[in-house]
Amino acid sequence: LLSTFALTQDEVYKTKAINIARHLLPAFDSPSSMSYSLINLQTKATKNFNWATGRASILAEVGTMHLEFAYLTHLTGDPVFYKKVEEARDKLQSISDNGLYFNFINPTSGKWANRHVSMGALGDSFYEYLLKSWIQTNGKDKRARTMYDDAMDALENKLIKTSRKSELVYFAELKNSRVSNKMDHLACFAGGMLALGAEGNPDKKRRYMELGEAVTKTCHESYDRTPSKLGPESFYFDQDSTEARGTVS
């Protein structure tokens, strides 16, 4: 709705977006300011998915709200939308583990519910929207840029791996202290994100472009090496990181 309004300036889309956002505000009413995944728009009751670790809030969902709610405050002058997402970001930054952000957050305690890091499902758009918050504000949201760069440094140090046989670069996952040599298809967006983030950080520009190109090559290979030329849902590398094998779910 907000994208359509930005493109058309038709007030009906802005009005609908504001109405929906106001109905969503109770989702942020947790002790930690982490948003709940589900809300009953009639009763205002909120909860998280039963399958989420400890029924925790999800990193990607919490981070994904920021662009839209910040834009709503810009359009309406009402600070409530921006306040909600900034409080959530404050909490996430305060519990960051040297740039690492884990996929599940307990909405009551505001502490990590597990130690799982992924550029794929459950984590993906949190990182993307840090960068796009910086872009959305024409570089004024310096905190978002710093959080993004710190996260990319941590992910590169911990989870960027290279296969031995084909030298395919990929984002592994971290589960507790154990590295899992698995990359989700969802993480393939990161190639473009890294290239986009090359602008604005002269010290890392070349490295971001190299990583973006390498990760994109890996994702291309995940399609090209299948008989159907359709990419797998995720792909695993053997424990010695010799080569990948795709999986579907």
Protein backbone atom coordinates (compact mmCIF):
# COMPACT_ATOMS: atom_id res chain seq x y z
CA LEU A 1 0.00 0.00 0.00
CA LEU A 2 2.73 2.46 0.93
CA SER A 3 4.75 1.64 -2.18
CA THR A 4 1.67 2.16 -4.32
CA PHE A 5 0.98 5.47 -2.63
CA ALA A 6 4.59 6.57 -3.18
CA LEU A 7 4.26 5.77 -6.88
CA THR A 8 0.77 7.16 -7.46
CA GLN A 9 0.17 9.71 -4.66
CA ASP A 10 -3.38 8.34 -4.51
CA GLU A 11 -4.58 9.12 -0.98
CA VAL A 12 -6.72 5.97 -0.77
CA TYR A 13 -3.58 3.84 -0.40
CA LYS A 14 -2.16 6.02 2.36
CA THR A 15 -5.46 6.00 4.21
CA LYS A 16 -5.69 2.21 4.07
CA ALA A 17 -2.06 1.82 5.17
CA ILE A 18 -2.60 4.09 8.18
CA ASN A 19 -5.74 2.20 9.15
CA ILE A 20 -3.98 -1.16 8.98
CA ALA A 21 -0.93 0.09 10.86
CA ARG A 22 -3.03 1.47 13.71
CA HIS A 23 -4.69 -1.92 14.05
CA LEU A 24 -1.24 -3.54 14.18
CA LEU A 25 0.15 -1.31 16.94
CA PRO A 26 -0.89 -3.65 19.80
CA ALA A 27 1.48 -6.26 18.34
CA PHE A 28 4.32 -4.17 19.81
CA ASP A 29 2.89 -4.14 23.32
CA SER A 30 5.30 -6.65 24.80
CA PRO A 31 7.49 -6.02 27.86
CA SER A 32 10.57 -5.91 25.61
CA SER A 33 9.04 -3.91 22.71
CA MET A 34 9.53 -6.94 20.44
CA SER A 35 6.54 -7.33 18.13
CA TYR A 36 4.43 -10.46 18.28
CA SER A 37 3.96 -12.44 15.08
CA LEU A 38 0.19 -12.72 15.21
CA ILE A 39 -2.62 -10.35 16.16
CA ASN A 40 -6.39 -10.76 16.19
CA LEU A 41 -7.57 -7.49 14.66
CA GLN A 42 -10.95 -7.76 16.36
CA THR A 43 -9.91 -8.64 19.92
CA LYS A 44 -6.36 -7.17 19.75
CA ALA A 45 -5.05 -10.42 21.25
CA THR A 46 -1.46 -11.16 20.29
CA LYS A 47 0.74 -14.24 20.30
CA ASN A 48 3.67 -15.87 18.57
CA PHE A 49 3.74 -19.03 16.48
CA ASN A 50 3.62 -22.28 18.44
CA TRP A 51 6.50 -23.65 16.37
CA ALA A 52 8.83 -20.74 17.17
CA THR A 53 11.46 -21.61 19.77
CA GLY A 54 9.88 -20.89 23.14
CA ARG A 55 7.06 -19.14 21.23
CA ALA A 56 9.52 -16.33 20.67
CA SER A 57 9.40 -13.35 18.34
CA ILE A 58 11.25 -13.70 15.04
CA LEU A 59 14.18 -11.47 14.09
CA ALA A 60 13.20 -11.05 10.44
CA GLU A 61 9.64 -10.07 11.36
CA VAL A 62 10.70 -7.53 13.98
CA GLY A 63 13.18 -5.90 11.60
CA THR A 64 10.85 -5.92 8.61
CA MET A 65 8.43 -3.48 10.24
CA HIS A 66 10.91 -0.60 10.35
CA LEU A 67 10.73 0.80 6.82
CA GLU A 68 6.96 0.97 6.69
CA PHE A 69 6.42 2.36 10.17
CA ALA A 70 9.15 4.98 9.77
CA TYR A 71 7.58 6.02 6.47
CA LEU A 72 4.16 6.27 8.11
CA THR A 73 5.50 8.70 10.69
CA HIS A 74 7.05 10.71 7.86
CA LEU A 75 3.72 10.84 6.03
CA THR A 76 1.44 11.48 9.01
CA GLY A 77 3.61 13.36 11.48
CA ASP A 78 2.42 10.90 14.13
CA PRO A 79 5.50 9.70 16.06
CA VAL A 80 3.85 6.55 17.42
CA PHE A 81 4.77 4.41 14.41
CA TYR A 82 8.46 5.33 14.41
CA LYS A 83 8.61 5.08 18.21
CA LYS A 84 7.45 1.47 18.15
CA VAL A 85 10.06 0.26 15.66
CA GLU A 86 12.87 2.34 17.18
CA GLU A 87 12.22 0.83 20.60
CA ALA A 88 12.46 -2.62 19.05
CA ARG A 89 15.71 -1.67 17.32
CA ASP A 90 17.08 -0.24 20.59
CA LYS A 91 16.52 -3.58 22.26
CA LEU A 92 18.04 -5.59 19.43
CA GLN A 93 21.15 -3.43 19.33
CA SER A 94 21.56 -3.69 23.11
CA ILE A 95 21.61 -7.50 23.02
CA SER A 96 23.74 -7.89 19.89
CA ASP A 97 26.58 -10.36 20.40
CA ASN A 98 29.44 -8.44 18.75
CA GLY A 99 27.38 -7.92 15.62
CA LEU A 100 25.59 -11.26 15.67
CA TYR A 101 21.80 -11.31 15.90
CA PHE A 102 20.03 -14.55 16.69
CA ASN A 103 16.78 -15.61 15.09
CA PHE A 104 14.46 -15.77 18.11
CA ILE A 105 13.87 -13.21 20.87
CA ASN A 106 11.82 -13.78 24.00
CA PRO A 107 9.23 -10.97 23.94
CA THR A 108 8.88 -10.97 27.72
CA SER A 109 12.51 -10.95 28.84
CA GLY A 110 13.98 -9.31 25.75
CA LYS A 111 16.72 -11.94 25.68
CA TRP A 112 17.70 -14.29 22.90
CA ALA A 113 15.60 -17.46 22.91
CA ASN A 114 18.27 -19.45 21.09
CA ARG A 115 21.69 -19.07 19.48
CA HIS A 116 20.75 -19.66 15.84
CA VAL A 117 22.07 -17.24 13.19
CA SER A 118 20.97 -17.43 9.58
CA MET A 119 21.08 -15.20 6.53
CA GLY A 120 18.18 -17.31 5.26
CA ALA A 121 14.80 -17.97 6.83
CA LEU A 122 14.02 -16.17 10.11
CA GLY A 123 16.90 -13.70 9.81
CA ASP A 124 17.07 -12.48 6.20
CA SER A 125 15.08 -9.25 5.97
CA PHE A 126 16.36 -7.89 9.28
CA TYR A 127 19.73 -7.30 7.63
CA GLU A 128 18.20 -6.11 4.36
CA TYR A 129 16.08 -3.49 6.12
CA LEU A 130 18.96 -2.12 8.17
CA LEU A 131 20.64 -1.20 4.90
CA LYS A 132 17.42 0.07 3.33
CA SER A 133 16.65 2.21 6.37
CA TRP A 134 19.95 3.96 5.74
CA ILE A 135 19.02 4.37 2.06
CA GLN A 136 15.46 5.48 2.84
CA THR A 137 16.79 8.35 4.97
CA ASN A 138 19.44 9.40 2.43
CA GLY A 139 22.18 8.28 4.80
CA LYS A 140 20.81 10.05 7.88
CA ASP A 141 20.05 6.83 9.75
CA LYS A 142 23.68 6.25 10.63
CA ARG A 143 22.83 3.78 13.37
CA ALA A 144 21.15 1.47 10.87
CA ARG A 145 24.25 1.65 8.66
CA THR A 146 26.57 0.92 11.59
CA MET A 147 24.43 -2.03 12.70
CA TYR A 148 24.43 -3.35 9.14
CA ASP A 149 28.20 -3.06 8.68
CA ASP A 150 28.88 -4.59 12.09
CA ALA A 151 26.54 -7.47 11.29
CA MET A 152 28.20 -8.10 7.91
CA ASP A 153 31.63 -8.11 9.59
CA ALA A 154 30.43 -10.64 12.15
CA LEU A 155 28.78 -12.82 9.53
CA GLU A 156 31.85 -12.73 7.31
CA ASN A 157 34.10 -13.69 10.21
CA LYS A 158 31.85 -16.49 11.45
CA LEU A 159 29.73 -17.81 8.60
CA ILE A 160 31.15 -17.03 5.17
CA LYS A 161 32.63 -20.32 3.96
CA THR A 162 34.17 -21.57 0.71
CA SER A 163 33.82 -25.10 -0.65
CA ARG A 164 37.07 -26.86 -1.47
CA LYS A 165 36.24 -28.47 -4.79
CA SER A 166 34.47 -25.67 -6.66
CA GLU A 167 35.39 -22.77 -4.38
CA LEU A 168 31.75 -21.80 -3.95
CA VAL A 169 31.25 -19.05 -1.38
CA TYR A 170 28.19 -19.41 0.83
CA PHE A 171 26.55 -18.27 4.06
CA ALA A 172 26.64 -21.10 6.57
CA GLU A 173 24.42 -21.09 9.67
CA LEU A 174 25.39 -20.95 13.32
CA LYS A 175 23.55 -23.14 15.80
CA ASN A 176 24.83 -22.53 19.30
CA SER A 177 28.59 -22.75 18.79
CA ARG A 178 28.37 -25.19 15.87
CA VAL A 179 28.62 -24.10 12.24
CA SER A 180 26.15 -25.85 9.94
CA ASN A 181 27.31 -25.91 6.31
CA LYS A 182 23.82 -25.16 5.01
CA MET A 183 22.61 -22.22 2.95
CA ASP A 184 18.94 -21.47 2.31
CA HIS A 185 17.73 -20.46 -1.12
CA LEU A 186 16.23 -17.47 0.70
CA ALA A 187 19.75 -16.27 1.49
CA CYS A 188 20.44 -15.77 -2.22
CA PHE A 189 19.10 -12.22 -1.91
CA ALA A 190 22.29 -11.41 0.01
CA GLY A 191 24.34 -11.14 -3.17
CA GLY A 192 22.36 -8.12 -4.29
CA MET A 193 22.22 -6.72 -0.76
CA LEU A 194 26.00 -6.83 -0.42
CA ALA A 195 26.43 -5.09 -3.77
CA LEU A 196 23.90 -2.44 -2.77
CA GLY A 197 25.71 -1.92 0.51
CA ALA A 198 29.02 -1.38 -1.20
CA GLU A 199 28.04 2.24 -1.70
CA GLY A 200 28.49 4.28 1.44
CA ASN A 201 31.39 2.32 2.89
CA PRO A 202 34.59 3.10 0.95
CA ASP A 203 36.68 0.85 3.18
CA LYS A 204 34.49 -2.18 2.46
CA LYS A 205 33.26 -1.37 -1.06
CA ARG A 206 35.56 -3.76 -2.89
CA ARG A 207 35.05 -6.57 -0.37
CA TYR A 208 31.25 -6.20 -0.41
CA MET A 209 31.24 -6.38 -4.21
CA GLU A 210 33.49 -9.44 -4.21
CA LEU A 211 31.33 -11.23 -1.65
CA GLY A 212 28.12 -10.26 -3.43
CA GLU A 213 29.42 -11.60 -6.72
CA ALA A 214 30.70 -14.81 -5.15
CA VAL A 215 27.49 -15.57 -3.26
CA THR A 216 25.42 -14.88 -6.39
CA LYS A 217 27.62 -17.27 -8.36
CA THR A 218 26.94 -19.98 -5.77
CA CYS A 219 23.21 -19.42 -6.07
CA HIS A 220 23.41 -19.54 -9.87
CA GLU A 221 25.28 -22.83 -9.64
CA SER A 222 22.59 -24.21 -7.32
CA TYR A 223 20.16 -23.83 -10.24
CA ASP A 224 22.47 -24.69 -13.09
CA ARG A 225 23.64 -27.98 -11.59
CA THR A 226 20.18 -29.53 -11.27
CA PRO A 227 18.62 -31.53 -14.13
CA SER A 228 15.52 -29.29 -14.10
CA LYS A 229 17.52 -26.04 -13.71
CA LEU A 230 15.34 -25.24 -10.69
CA GLY A 231 17.19 -24.31 -7.53
CA PRO A 232 16.77 -26.32 -4.33
CA GLU A 233 15.09 -25.00 -1.20
CA SER A 234 18.46 -25.21 0.53
CA PHE A 235 21.82 -26.76 -0.09
CA TYR A 236 24.24 -28.46 2.24
CA PHE A 237 27.98 -28.85 1.96
CA ASP A 238 29.70 -31.96 3.26
CA GLN A 239 31.42 -31.60 6.62
CA ASP A 240 34.76 -31.11 4.92
CA SER A 241 33.11 -28.48 2.64
CA THR A 242 33.98 -30.39 -0.52
CA GLU A 243 30.76 -29.89 -2.50
CA ALA A 244 27.08 -29.04 -2.15
CA ARG A 245 23.98 -31.18 -2.32
CA GLY A 246 20.52 -29.68 -2.66
CA THR A 247 17.41 -30.50 -0.63
CA VAL A 248 13.72 -29.75 -0.97
CA SER A 249 11.16 -29.40 1.81
